[in-house]
Structure formats: C-alpha cells, structure tokens
Amino acid sequence: MIPAPFEYYRVGSVEEAVELMKKFGEEAKILAGGQSLIPMLKLRFARYSKIIDIGRLQELKYIKEEGEYIRIGGLITHREVEKSSLIKERVPVLSACASEIADVQVRNMGTIGGSLSHADPSADYPPTMLALGAVMVARGSKGVREIPADSFFVSTFTTALEQNELLVEVKVPIMKNNERACYLKIGHPATGFAIVNCAVKLSLKNGKIEDARVAFGGFVTVPYRDRGVEDFLKGKDVSLETVKKASELVGKGQDIIGDYYADADYRRVVAKALFVRVVRGALEI
C-alpha cells in the first residue's frame, strides 16, 4: 500500500518545526528517521495531512559529556549510540541496548528521539532509560522543559510530550564506579520486538545492594519500573539466592498482555527468568 496524501515540509531549524507543529496541531506529525512512521503511513494505520521532516537538522546530532550526564541529540541514530566510544565508556549498557534494536539497516536510519517519542511498549530503549534515570528534553512553543523517564511513558504509543513539543535531547546519567547495569530481551523471531525486555541498574556498597532500578517492557502496555522488586533488593546481599527470591515479585499487580505467539502466563514466566539473567549479567554472579 501507499500512504494517504499529505503535505511534506522539510524544516531548517527546530524553531521552524515547532512553529509548524503549533500551526497545524493534530494534523501534523514529525518525521525523524522514519523507521516507525513510514510503515504506519504506508499501511494506513496512521494518517496525517502534514508531515514535518526534521531529519537533516544538524543541531540535533551530537553526543557529548557535560557534568554528570551524557547528552544525546534527538537525531542521533541507534547505530551511533551503539558505536559511540563515549557511551561505551560512560554508559555501556546503553550501547548494548542500541545494538539489540532491529537490524543494521534500521539502526543506521532510526533515531533515539524518534524511537522514544513513538513509545512502542515493546521497543528496546524505554526500560533502559527508566533503569538509568534518563531525562528527556522537550522544546515547544512555551520553551524548553525536562521530563524524567519515570514520567515520560504515559500509555501505549503515548508520551508526556505535548502536541507542539519536540524531543530534542536525551540526558543520560554517567555510570558511577559502584554501579552495575545490564539490558536483555527475549525478542519475537520475526520482528525483533521484545516479548519481554528488562534493564537494571544496581548500586553496590560493602557487598550489598544499596539501591536498585529495575524496569520492564514488552509484556505490559506501558514500560514500567518494578518498585516491588526494587524495594526487595535494597539492602540485600549480592547473591544468586537474593536474585531468585526477587524474581518471584516480577510483574506482581501488572496487567500482562498476551497474543497468539506468547500468552500472558508465558510472558510472566519469561519475565521472571529474564530478570534473573539480567541481574546476574549486571553483577557477574
């Protein structure tokens, strides 16, 4: 199929994009890497009368260290996240996460800002951003504001971005010496999207888990931090027994999704098993 007719605008600045978004409202959609939007338009799952192409804006293409954060421009591709020596050194789990996205062709075109704005609950980035405590920087007609990852993912394919806001940057905290992190997923063999994915960041002190951030996606409608698991881990000894006990709490109280390939009961079991693998990977136990 081909998309429904639309007007195409290639902008020369973020300001111009914001102005057009404000002017056209819900009629408009931002095009970055196009790896999610174009298929949806072609299949007519989505219809917009105005497409605003920001893909050539050099001002959104950067990776740099500033203070306690790695700042990543919204148009940085997944491949650039994967291969960045700065990210590999300062936040290696993010590089590992990016390497799991789809295939090389998609990673060469898809952007971190576009993927996060799309908010697919089975995407790779959301659990990692939640576990790392990333901050999304949005720019709109009212100015610039920062949105913590914990508040960014609202519902399926919906974020806290307002209608005329553009995700221009992702701020990722630099890993500290006592912190360990890991990301893994069980992906659908045909699409690569997560059936279940999980990311953790653990702070260690004197052989114990001082703090924990545990996030999941894929088996729920909205990627989330599992507070019950986090609370259980805090103050516990670093051991396989601790991890296995914590795994029994995974998904408690969550509405687990299911489909013809993997039903809800199966996904719940897989989530528990994957959590154990992820924590063992982070702690090397």
C-alpha atoms as a PDB file:
ATOM      1  CA  MET A   1       0.000   0.000   0.000  1.00  0.00           C
ATOM      2  CA  ILE A   2       0.930   3.652  -0.256  1.00  0.00           C
ATOM      3  CA  PRO A   3       0.224   6.407   2.271  1.00  0.00           C
ATOM      4  CA  ALA A   4      -2.808   8.635   2.126  1.00  0.00           C
ATOM      5  CA  PRO A   5      -1.966  12.030   0.566  1.00  0.00           C
ATOM      6  CA  PHE A   6      -0.124  14.511   2.791  1.00  0.00           C
ATOM      7  CA  GLU A   7       1.763  17.793   2.557  1.00  0.00           C
ATOM      8  CA  TYR A   8       5.506  17.499   3.153  1.00  0.00           C
ATOM      9  CA  TYR A   9       7.583  20.144   4.937  1.00  0.00           C
ATOM     10  CA  ARG A  10      11.364  19.973   5.295  1.00  0.00           C
ATOM     11  CA  VAL A  11      12.386  22.375   8.038  1.00  0.00           C
ATOM     12  CA  GLY A  12      15.709  24.136   8.568  1.00  0.00           C
ATOM     13  CA  SER A  13      15.565  24.552  12.350  1.00  0.00           C
ATOM     14  CA  VAL A  14      13.902  23.280  15.480  1.00  0.00           C
ATOM     15  CA  GLU A  15      12.130  26.631  15.819  1.00  0.00           C
ATOM     16  CA  GLU A  16      10.561  26.233  12.382  1.00  0.00           C
ATOM     17  CA  ALA A  17       9.403  22.717  13.250  1.00  0.00           C
ATOM     18  CA  VAL A  18       7.818  23.941  16.491  1.00  0.00           C
ATOM     19  CA  GLU A  19       6.031  26.758  14.655  1.00  0.00           C
ATOM     20  CA  LEU A  20       4.581  24.342  12.111  1.00  0.00           C
ATOM     21  CA  MET A  21       3.524  21.928  14.833  1.00  0.00           C
ATOM     22  CA  LYS A  22       1.743  24.740  16.633  1.00  0.00           C
ATOM     23  CA  LYS A  23       0.102  25.905  13.397  1.00  0.00           C
ATOM     24  CA  PHE A  24      -1.151  22.511  12.214  1.00  0.00           C
ATOM     25  CA  GLY A  25      -1.881  20.847  15.561  1.00  0.00           C
ATOM     26  CA  GLU A  26      -3.048  17.241  15.383  1.00  0.00           C
ATOM     27  CA  GLU A  27      -2.914  17.274  11.581  1.00  0.00           C
ATOM     28  CA  ALA A  28       0.905  17.214  11.717  1.00  0.00           C
ATOM     29  CA  LYS A  29       3.439  14.514  12.547  1.00  0.00           C
ATOM     30  CA  ILE A  30       7.211  14.777  12.929  1.00  0.00           C
ATOM     31  CA  LEU A  31       9.387  12.627  10.662  1.00  0.00           C
ATOM     32  CA  ALA A  32      12.872  11.870  12.013  1.00  0.00           C
ATOM     33  CA  GLY A  33      14.403   8.556  10.913  1.00  0.00           C
ATOM     34  CA  GLY A  34      11.086   7.271   9.593  1.00  0.00           C
ATOM     35  CA  GLN A  35      11.574   3.671  10.696  1.00  0.00           C
ATOM     36  CA  SER A  36       8.276   3.609  12.598  1.00  0.00           C
ATOM     37  CA  LEU A  37       6.247   6.359  10.942  1.00  0.00           C
ATOM     38  CA  ILE A  38       6.733   5.380   7.291  1.00  0.00           C
ATOM     39  CA  PRO A  39       5.472   1.780   7.696  1.00  0.00           C
ATOM     40  CA  MET A  40       2.476   3.038   9.671  1.00  0.00           C
ATOM     41  CA  LEU A  41       1.668   5.571   6.946  1.00  0.00           C
ATOM     42  CA  LYS A  42       2.071   3.004   4.175  1.00  0.00           C
ATOM     43  CA  LEU A  43      -0.223   0.543   5.934  1.00  0.00           C
ATOM     44  CA  ARG A  44      -2.586   3.429   6.759  1.00  0.00           C
ATOM     45  CA  PHE A  45      -2.508   2.601  10.437  1.00  0.00           C
ATOM     46  CA  ALA A  46      -1.824   6.324  10.814  1.00  0.00           C
ATOM     47  CA  ARG A  47      -2.952   9.273   8.690  1.00  0.00           C
ATOM     48  CA  TYR A  48      -1.626  12.816   8.897  1.00  0.00           C
ATOM     49  CA  SER A  49      -2.243  15.583   6.408  1.00  0.00           C
ATOM     50  CA  LYS A  50       1.064  17.316   7.235  1.00  0.00           C
ATOM     51  CA  ILE A  51       4.466  15.621   7.618  1.00  0.00           C
ATOM     52  CA  ILE A  52       7.281  17.749   9.085  1.00  0.00           C
ATOM     53  CA  ASP A  53      10.719  16.358   8.238  1.00  0.00           C
ATOM     54  CA  ILE A  54      13.424  17.239  10.801  1.00  0.00           C
ATOM     55  CA  GLY A  55      15.855  14.546   9.666  1.00  0.00           C
ATOM     56  CA  ARG A  56      18.506  16.968   8.348  1.00  0.00           C
ATOM     57  CA  LEU A  57      18.786  19.213  11.405  1.00  0.00           C
ATOM     58  CA  GLN A  58      22.456  19.112  12.358  1.00  0.00           C
ATOM     59  CA  GLU A  59      21.728  20.931  15.617  1.00  0.00           C
ATOM     60  CA  LEU A  60      20.160  17.704  16.943  1.00  0.00           C
ATOM     61  CA  LYS A  61      23.081  15.471  16.022  1.00  0.00           C
ATOM     62  CA  TYR A  62      25.582  15.309  18.880  1.00  0.00           C
ATOM     63  CA  ILE A  63      26.851  13.114  21.711  1.00  0.00           C
ATOM     64  CA  LYS A  64      28.759  14.934  24.431  1.00  0.00           C
ATOM     65  CA  GLU A  65      29.619  14.747  28.103  1.00  0.00           C
ATOM     66  CA  GLU A  66      28.520  17.581  30.327  1.00  0.00           C
ATOM     67  CA  GLY A  67      28.670  17.399  34.105  1.00  0.00           C
ATOM     68  CA  GLU A  68      27.063  14.196  35.350  1.00  0.00           C
ATOM     69  CA  TYR A  69      25.323  13.453  32.041  1.00  0.00           C
ATOM     70  CA  ILE A  70      25.911  12.211  28.528  1.00  0.00           C
ATOM     71  CA  ARG A  71      23.796  14.467  26.327  1.00  0.00           C
ATOM     72  CA  ILE A  72      22.464  12.852  23.158  1.00  0.00           C
ATOM     73  CA  GLY A  73      20.801  14.872  20.406  1.00  0.00           C
ATOM     74  CA  GLY A  74      17.400  13.632  19.317  1.00  0.00           C
ATOM     75  CA  LEU A  75      18.562  12.812  15.771  1.00  0.00           C
ATOM     76  CA  ILE A  76      21.451  10.580  16.781  1.00  0.00           C
ATOM     77  CA  THR A  77      20.879   7.177  15.181  1.00  0.00           C
ATOM     78  CA  HIS A  78      20.750   3.884  17.032  1.00  0.00           C
ATOM     79  CA  ARG A  79      23.942   2.873  15.252  1.00  0.00           C
ATOM     80  CA  GLU A  80      25.717   5.980  16.526  1.00  0.00           C
ATOM     81  CA  VAL A  81      24.570   5.195  20.067  1.00  0.00           C
ATOM     82  CA  GLU A  82      25.790   1.643  19.630  1.00  0.00           C
ATOM     83  CA  LYS A  83      29.227   2.632  18.310  1.00  0.00           C
ATOM     84  CA  SER A  84      29.940   5.793  20.356  1.00  0.00           C
ATOM     85  CA  SER A  85      33.182   5.376  22.290  1.00  0.00           C
ATOM     86  CA  LEU A  86      31.952   7.932  24.843  1.00  0.00           C
ATOM     87  CA  ILE A  87      28.758   5.996  25.528  1.00  0.00           C
ATOM     88  CA  LYS A  88      30.652   2.695  25.664  1.00  0.00           C
ATOM     89  CA  GLU A  89      32.949   4.159  28.286  1.00  0.00           C
ATOM     90  CA  ARG A  90      30.447   6.099  30.386  1.00  0.00           C
ATOM     91  CA  VAL A  91      27.139   4.213  29.942  1.00  0.00           C
ATOM     92  CA  PRO A  92      27.988   0.860  28.322  1.00  0.00           C
ATOM     93  CA  VAL A  93      24.540  -0.624  28.921  1.00  0.00           C
ATOM     94  CA  LEU A  94      23.016   1.980  26.579  1.00  0.00           C
ATOM     95  CA  SER A  95      25.384   0.969  23.807  1.00  0.00           C
ATOM     96  CA  ALA A  96      24.475  -2.682  24.400  1.00  0.00           C
ATOM     97  CA  CYS A  97      20.771  -1.791  24.298  1.00  0.00           C
ATOM     98  CA  ALA A  98      21.106   0.049  20.975  1.00  0.00           C
ATOM     99  CA  SER A  99      22.871  -2.961  19.455  1.00  0.00           C
ATOM    100  CA  GLU A 100      19.727  -5.039  20.061  1.00  0.00           C
ATOM    101  CA  ILE A 101      17.449  -2.796  18.003  1.00  0.00           C
ATOM    102  CA  ALA A 102      16.120  -4.441  14.824  1.00  0.00           C
ATOM    103  CA  ASP A 103      18.907  -4.796  12.222  1.00  0.00           C
ATOM    104  CA  VAL A 104      21.812  -2.704  10.933  1.00  0.00           C
ATOM    105  CA  GLN A 105      19.713  -1.039   8.235  1.00  0.00           C
ATOM    106  CA  VAL A 106      17.149   0.172  10.781  1.00  0.00           C
ATOM    107  CA  ARG A 107      19.852   1.197  13.259  1.00  0.00           C
ATOM    108  CA  ASN A 108      21.531   3.289  10.568  1.00  0.00           C
ATOM    109  CA  MET A 109      18.337   5.274   9.973  1.00  0.00           C
ATOM    110  CA  GLY A 110      16.254   5.181  13.141  1.00  0.00           C
ATOM    111  CA  THR A 111      16.875   7.878  15.772  1.00  0.00           C
ATOM    112  CA  ILE A 112      16.845   7.820  19.541  1.00  0.00           C
ATOM    113  CA  GLY A 113      14.428  10.759  19.694  1.00  0.00           C
ATOM    114  CA  GLY A 114      12.079   9.237  17.168  1.00  0.00           C
ATOM    115  CA  SER A 115      12.017   5.867  18.895  1.00  0.00           C
ATOM    116  CA  LEU A 116      11.356   7.308  22.337  1.00  0.00           C
ATOM    117  CA  SER A 117       8.659   9.662  21.014  1.00  0.00           C
ATOM    118  CA  HIS A 118       6.964   6.726  19.288  1.00  0.00           C
ATOM    119  CA  ALA A 119       6.780   4.959  22.684  1.00  0.00           C
ATOM    120  CA  ASP A 120       6.267   1.425  21.424  1.00  0.00           C
ATOM    121  CA  PRO A 121       5.889  -0.662  24.618  1.00  0.00           C
ATOM    122  CA  SER A 122       7.983  -3.418  23.018  1.00  0.00           C
ATOM    123  CA  ALA A 123      10.860  -1.144  21.997  1.00  0.00           C
ATOM    124  CA  ASP A 124      14.356  -1.543  23.437  1.00  0.00           C
ATOM    125  CA  TYR A 125      15.088   1.925  24.811  1.00  0.00           C
ATOM    126  CA  PRO A 126      12.255   2.505  27.343  1.00  0.00           C
ATOM    127  CA  PRO A 127      13.313   0.014  30.067  1.00  0.00           C
ATOM    128  CA  THR A 128      16.927   1.121  29.753  1.00  0.00           C
ATOM    129  CA  MET A 129      16.011   4.800  30.069  1.00  0.00           C
ATOM    130  CA  LEU A 130      13.869   4.032  33.092  1.00  0.00           C
ATOM    131  CA  ALA A 131      16.615   1.997  34.752  1.00  0.00           C
ATOM    132  CA  LEU A 132      19.258   4.641  34.073  1.00  0.00           C
ATOM    133  CA  GLY A 133      17.102   7.535  35.252  1.00  0.00           C
ATOM    134  CA  ALA A 134      17.386   9.382  31.949  1.00  0.00           C
ATOM    135  CA  VAL A 135      15.823  12.786  31.341  1.00  0.00           C
ATOM    136  CA  MET A 136      14.034  13.770  28.116  1.00  0.00           C
ATOM    137  CA  VAL A 137      14.443  17.357  26.973  1.00  0.00           C
ATOM    138  CA  ALA A 138      11.470  18.746  25.040  1.00  0.00           C
ATOM    139  CA  ARG A 139      11.226  22.025  23.152  1.00  0.00           C
ATOM    140  CA  GLY A 140       7.914  23.608  22.242  1.00  0.00           C
ATOM    141  CA  SER A 141       6.180  26.926  21.803  1.00  0.00           C
ATOM    142  CA  LYS A 142       6.327  27.510  25.572  1.00  0.00           C
ATOM    143  CA  GLY A 143      10.068  26.889  25.745  1.00  0.00           C
ATOM    144  CA  VAL A 144      12.228  24.012  26.975  1.00  0.00           C
ATOM    145  CA  ARG A 145      11.333  21.557  29.705  1.00  0.00           C
ATOM    146  CA  GLU A 146      12.858  18.385  31.121  1.00  0.00           C
ATOM    147  CA  ILE A 147      10.790  15.228  31.604  1.00  0.00           C
ATOM    148  CA  PRO A 148      12.175  12.387  33.764  1.00  0.00           C
ATOM    149  CA  ALA A 149      11.890   8.963  32.159  1.00  0.00           C
ATOM    150  CA  ASP A 150       9.635   7.905  35.056  1.00  0.00           C
ATOM    151  CA  SER A 151       7.024  10.413  33.832  1.00  0.00           C
ATOM    152  CA  PHE A 152       7.637  10.180  30.088  1.00  0.00           C
ATOM    153  CA  PHE A 153       5.834   6.970  29.078  1.00  0.00           C
ATOM    154  CA  VAL A 154       2.117   7.568  29.615  1.00  0.00           C
ATOM    155  CA  SER A 155       0.363   4.770  27.710  1.00  0.00           C
ATOM    156  CA  THR A 156       0.754   2.666  24.576  1.00  0.00           C
ATOM    157  CA  PHE A 157       2.339   4.856  21.872  1.00  0.00           C
ATOM    158  CA  THR A 158       1.753   7.905  24.086  1.00  0.00           C
ATOM    159  CA  THR A 159       4.265  10.066  25.941  1.00  0.00           C
ATOM    160  CA  ALA A 160       4.175  13.163  28.119  1.00  0.00           C
ATOM    161  CA  LEU A 161       5.150  15.303  25.121  1.00  0.00           C
ATOM    162  CA  GLU A 162       2.564  17.968  24.377  1.00  0.00           C
ATOM    163  CA  GLN A 163       1.119  18.457  20.912  1.00  0.00           C
ATOM    164  CA  ASN A 164       3.609  21.106  19.794  1.00  0.00           C
ATOM    165  CA  GLU A 165       6.649  19.724  21.621  1.00  0.00           C
ATOM    166  CA  LEU A 166       9.644  18.041  20.055  1.00  0.00           C
ATOM    167  CA  LEU A 167      12.039  15.680  21.853  1.00  0.00           C
ATOM    168  CA  VAL A 168      15.367  17.383  21.178  1.00  0.00           C
ATOM    169  CA  GLU A 169      17.723  15.683  23.625  1.00  0.00           C
ATOM    170  CA  VAL A 170      18.177  12.764  25.982  1.00  0.00           C
ATOM    171  CA  LYS A 171      20.288  13.266  29.115  1.00  0.00           C
ATOM    172  CA  VAL A 172      21.681  10.002  30.474  1.00  0.00           C
ATOM    173  CA  PRO A 173      23.420   9.927  33.890  1.00  0.00           C
ATOM    174  CA  ILE A 174      27.014   8.726  33.730  1.00  0.00           C
ATOM    175  CA  MET A 175      27.526   5.395  35.467  1.00  0.00           C
ATOM    176  CA  LYS A 176      29.357   5.608  38.795  1.00  0.00           C
ATOM    177  CA  ASN A 177      32.138   3.255  39.888  1.00  0.00           C
ATOM    178  CA  ASN A 178      29.868   1.367  42.275  1.00  0.00           C
ATOM    179  CA  GLU A 179      27.040   0.953  39.765  1.00  0.00           C
ATOM    180  CA  ARG A 180      26.356  -2.057  37.573  1.00  0.00           C
ATOM    181  CA  ALA A 181      23.817  -2.331  34.768  1.00  0.00           C
ATOM    182  CA  CYS A 182      22.565  -4.759  32.143  1.00  0.00           C
ATOM    183  CA  TYR A 183      19.879  -4.988  29.453  1.00  0.00           C
ATOM    184  CA  LEU A 184      18.492  -8.107  27.798  1.00  0.00           C
ATOM    185  CA  LYS A 185      15.393  -9.047  25.845  1.00  0.00           C
ATOM    186  CA  ILE A 186      13.551 -12.054  24.536  1.00  0.00           C
ATOM    187  CA  GLY A 187      12.569 -10.918  21.066  1.00  0.00           C
ATOM    188  CA  HIS A 188       9.986 -12.114  18.591  1.00  0.00           C
ATOM    189  CA  PRO A 189      11.877 -14.120  15.934  1.00  0.00           C
ATOM    190  CA  ALA A 190      10.144 -12.347  13.057  1.00  0.00           C
ATOM    191  CA  THR A 191      10.074  -8.726  14.180  1.00  0.00           C
ATOM    192  CA  GLY A 192      12.793  -8.466  16.808  1.00  0.00           C
ATOM    193  CA  PHE A 193      10.409  -6.569  19.085  1.00  0.00           C
ATOM    194  CA  ALA A 194      10.509  -7.619  22.705  1.00  0.00           C
ATOM    195  CA  ILE A 195       8.189 -10.259  24.046  1.00  0.00           C
ATOM    196  CA  VAL A 196       9.786  -9.295  27.336  1.00  0.00           C
ATOM    197  CA  ASN A 197      12.716  -6.948  27.955  1.00  0.00           C
ATOM    198  CA  CYS A 198      14.396  -5.845  31.147  1.00  0.00           C
ATOM    199  CA  ALA A 199      17.041  -3.375  32.275  1.00  0.00           C
ATOM    200  CA  VAL A 200      18.569  -2.958  35.716  1.00  0.00           C
ATOM    201  CA  LYS A 201      20.957  -0.554  37.402  1.00  0.00           C
ATOM    202  CA  LEU A 202      22.283  -1.554  40.811  1.00  0.00           C
ATOM    203  CA  SER A 203      24.351   0.482  43.264  1.00  0.00           C
ATOM    204  CA  LEU A 204      26.646  -1.629  45.451  1.00  0.00           C
ATOM    205  CA  LYS A 205      28.238  -0.974  48.827  1.00  0.00           C
ATOM    206  CA  ASN A 206      30.095  -3.379  51.126  1.00  0.00           C
ATOM    207  CA  GLY A 207      28.791  -6.461  49.348  1.00  0.00           C
ATOM    208  CA  LYS A 208      25.165  -5.328  49.467  1.00  0.00           C
ATOM    209  CA  ILE A 209      22.739  -3.772  47.009  1.00  0.00           C
ATOM    210  CA  GLU A 210      22.439  -0.177  48.183  1.00  0.00           C
ATOM    211  CA  ASP A 211      19.957   0.925  45.531  1.00  0.00           C
ATOM    212  CA  ALA A 212      18.152  -0.684  42.596  1.00  0.00           C
ATOM    213  CA  ARG A 213      16.304   0.447  39.491  1.00  0.00           C
ATOM    214  CA  VAL A 214      14.519  -2.376  37.665  1.00  0.00           C
ATOM    215  CA  ALA A 215      12.462  -1.749  34.525  1.00  0.00           C
ATOM    216  CA  PHE A 216      10.467  -3.929  32.145  1.00  0.00           C
ATOM    217  CA  GLY A 217       8.759  -3.643  28.772  1.00  0.00           C
ATOM    218  CA  GLY A 218       7.207  -5.908  26.176  1.00  0.00           C
ATOM    219  CA  PHE A 219       4.831  -7.872  28.381  1.00  0.00           C
ATOM    220  CA  VAL A 220       2.914  -4.792  29.587  1.00  0.00           C
ATOM    221  CA  THR A 221       1.131  -1.962  27.773  1.00  0.00           C
ATOM    222  CA  VAL A 222       3.422   0.688  29.278  1.00  0.00           C
ATOM    223  CA  PRO A 223       7.116   0.172  30.160  1.00  0.00           C
ATOM    224  CA  TYR A 224       7.468   0.482  33.926  1.00  0.00           C
ATOM    225  CA  ARG A 225       9.755   0.332  36.922  1.00  0.00           C
ATOM    226  CA  ASP A 226       9.002  -2.609  39.191  1.00  0.00           C
ATOM    227  CA  ARG A 227       9.046  -0.902  42.582  1.00  0.00           C
ATOM    228  CA  GLY A 228       8.254  -4.090  44.466  1.00  0.00           C
ATOM    229  CA  VAL A 229      11.356  -5.788  43.116  1.00  0.00           C
ATOM    230  CA  GLU A 230      13.453  -2.676  43.718  1.00  0.00           C
ATOM    231  CA  ASP A 231      12.355  -2.413  47.333  1.00  0.00           C
ATOM    232  CA  PHE A 232      13.088  -6.085  47.944  1.00  0.00           C
ATOM    233  CA  LEU A 233      16.622  -5.820  46.557  1.00  0.00           C
ATOM    234  CA  LYS A 234      17.650  -2.768  48.574  1.00  0.00           C
ATOM    235  CA  GLY A 235      19.933  -3.689  51.457  1.00  0.00           C
ATOM    236  CA  LYS A 236      20.182  -7.348  50.425  1.00  0.00           C
ATOM    237  CA  ASP A 237      23.392  -9.323  49.978  1.00  0.00           C
ATOM    238  CA  VAL A 238      24.739  -9.712  46.452  1.00  0.00           C
ATOM    239  CA  SER A 239      23.857 -13.352  45.861  1.00  0.00           C
ATOM    240  CA  LEU A 240      22.016 -15.602  43.457  1.00  0.00           C
ATOM    241  CA  GLU A 241      19.587 -16.528  46.232  1.00  0.00           C
ATOM    242  CA  THR A 242      18.618 -12.867  46.621  1.00  0.00           C
ATOM    243  CA  VAL A 243      18.034 -12.526  42.884  1.00  0.00           C
ATOM    244  CA  LYS A 244      15.881 -15.640  42.661  1.00  0.00           C
ATOM    245  CA  LYS A 245      13.703 -14.506  45.568  1.00  0.00           C
ATOM    246  CA  ALA A 246      13.288 -11.085  43.971  1.00  0.00           C
ATOM    247  CA  SER A 247      12.237 -12.674  40.679  1.00  0.00           C
ATOM    248  CA  GLU A 248       9.087 -14.072  42.298  1.00  0.00           C
ATOM    249  CA  LEU A 249       7.831 -10.490  42.646  1.00  0.00           C
ATOM    250  CA  VAL A 250       8.266  -9.589  38.960  1.00  0.00           C
ATOM    251  CA  GLY A 251       5.065  -8.392  37.336  1.00  0.00           C
ATOM    252  CA  LYS A 252       3.036  -8.532  40.540  1.00  0.00           C
ATOM    253  CA  GLY A 253      -0.070  -6.388  40.144  1.00  0.00           C
ATOM    254  CA  GLN A 254       0.585  -5.763  36.447  1.00  0.00           C
ATOM    255  CA  ASP A 255      -1.894  -6.411  33.635  1.00  0.00           C
ATOM    256  CA  ILE A 256       0.153  -8.778  31.468  1.00  0.00           C
ATOM    257  CA  ILE A 257      -0.606  -8.739  27.751  1.00  0.00           C
ATOM    258  CA  GLY A 258      -0.760 -11.828  25.547  1.00  0.00           C
ATOM    259  CA  ASP A 259      -1.195 -12.755  21.911  1.00  0.00           C
ATOM    260  CA  TYR A 260      -1.226 -15.769  19.597  1.00  0.00           C
ATOM    261  CA  TYR A 261       2.560 -16.126  19.870  1.00  0.00           C
ATOM    262  CA  ALA A 262       3.038 -15.699  23.630  1.00  0.00           C
ATOM    263  CA  ASP A 263       0.141 -15.644  26.076  1.00  0.00           C
ATOM    264  CA  ALA A 264       0.111 -13.722  29.344  1.00  0.00           C
ATOM    265  CA  ASP A 265       1.063 -16.677  31.556  1.00  0.00           C
ATOM    266  CA  TYR A 266       4.042 -17.479  29.357  1.00  0.00           C
ATOM    267  CA  ARG A 267       5.243 -13.871  29.332  1.00  0.00           C
ATOM    268  CA  ARG A 268       5.040 -13.676  33.128  1.00  0.00           C
ATOM    269  CA  VAL A 269       7.239 -16.760  33.489  1.00  0.00           C
ATOM    270  CA  VAL A 270       9.674 -15.463  30.878  1.00  0.00           C
ATOM    271  CA  ALA A 271       9.864 -12.078  32.632  1.00  0.00           C
ATOM    272  CA  LYS A 272      10.903 -13.723  35.891  1.00  0.00           C
ATOM    273  CA  ALA A 273      13.545 -15.839  34.200  1.00  0.00           C
ATOM    274  CA  LEU A 274      14.846 -12.906  32.174  1.00  0.00           C
ATOM    275  CA  PHE A 275      15.135 -10.769  35.296  1.00  0.00           C
ATOM    276  CA  VAL A 276      17.443 -13.354  36.857  1.00  0.00           C
ATOM    277  CA  ARG A 277      19.615 -13.356  33.742  1.00  0.00           C
ATOM    278  CA  VAL A 278      19.782  -9.571  33.642  1.00  0.00           C
ATOM    279  CA  VAL A 279      20.789  -9.170  37.282  1.00  0.00           C
ATOM    280  CA  ARG A 280      23.339 -11.956  37.008  1.00  0.00           C
ATOM    281  CA  GLY A 281      24.723 -10.191  33.957  1.00  0.00           C
ATOM    282  CA  ALA A 282      24.974  -6.915  35.840  1.00  0.00           C
ATOM    283  CA  LEU A 283      26.557  -8.427  38.941  1.00  0.00           C
ATOM    284  CA  GLU A 284      28.546 -11.139  37.155  1.00  0.00           C
ATOM    285  CA  ILE A 285      27.332 -13.841  39.502  1.00  0.00           C
END
